[in-house]
């Protein structure tokens, strides 16, 4: 199992509401949605290599 690091995130209520709805629409948890958003941003900025064979 992959070890994950925890941290506190401060976010304005409007952004949180949008993330909650997006997560629900994609059948993900809020945490899973945030991980997905961050991963895709890192990949697009070429700051991280593709993992799990994703393109």
Protein backbone atom coordinates (compact mmCIF):
# COMPACT_ATOMS: atom_id res chain seq x y z
CA UNK A 1 0.00 0.00 0.00
CA UNK A 2 1.28 3.46 -0.90
CA UNK A 3 2.02 5.69 2.05
CA UNK A 4 0.32 9.09 1.79
CA UNK A 5 1.20 12.32 3.52
CA UNK A 6 -1.55 14.37 5.16
CA UNK A 7 -1.84 18.16 5.26
CA UNK A 8 -4.38 20.88 5.98
CA UNK A 9 -5.87 22.77 3.04
CA UNK A 10 -7.61 26.11 3.42
CA UNK A 11 -10.02 26.78 0.57
CA UNK A 12 -12.80 29.29 0.08
CA UNK A 13 -16.37 27.96 0.34
CA UNK A 14 -17.22 28.59 -3.32
CA UNK A 15 -14.25 26.54 -4.54
CA UNK A 16 -15.04 23.77 -2.07
CA UNK A 17 -18.64 23.62 -3.24
CA UNK A 18 -17.50 23.37 -6.88
CA UNK A 19 -15.02 20.59 -6.02
CA UNK A 20 -17.67 18.69 -4.04
CA UNK A 21 -20.06 18.81 -7.02
CA UNK A 22 -17.33 17.83 -9.49
CA UNK A 23 -16.28 14.92 -7.28
CA UNK A 24 -19.88 13.76 -7.00
CA UNK A 25 -20.35 14.02 -10.78
CA UNK A 26 -17.22 11.88 -11.30
CA UNK A 27 -18.17 9.38 -8.54
CA UNK A 28 -15.06 10.26 -6.53
CA UNK A 29 -14.43 11.34 -2.97
CA UNK A 30 -13.39 14.96 -2.47
CA UNK A 31 -9.89 13.75 -1.57
CA UNK A 32 -9.77 11.58 -4.68
CA UNK A 33 -10.91 14.48 -6.84
CA UNK A 34 -8.26 16.80 -5.41
CA UNK A 35 -5.58 14.15 -6.00
CA UNK A 36 -6.79 13.75 -9.59
CA UNK A 37 -6.77 17.53 -10.19
CA UNK A 38 -3.27 17.92 -8.73
CA UNK A 39 -1.91 14.89 -10.60
CA UNK A 40 -3.25 16.16 -13.94
CA UNK A 41 -1.85 19.65 -13.32
CA UNK A 42 1.57 18.19 -12.49
CA UNK A 43 1.47 15.95 -15.56
CA UNK A 44 0.46 18.84 -17.83
CA UNK A 45 3.30 20.98 -16.44
CA UNK A 46 5.69 18.05 -17.02
CA UNK A 47 6.55 18.01 -13.33
CA UNK A 48 5.69 14.31 -12.89
CA UNK A 49 5.96 11.24 -15.08
CA UNK A 50 2.87 9.26 -16.09
CA UNK A 51 2.03 6.59 -13.54
CA UNK A 52 0.19 3.34 -14.12
CA UNK A 53 0.53 3.49 -17.89
CA UNK A 54 -1.75 6.51 -18.26
CA UNK A 55 -1.22 8.76 -21.30
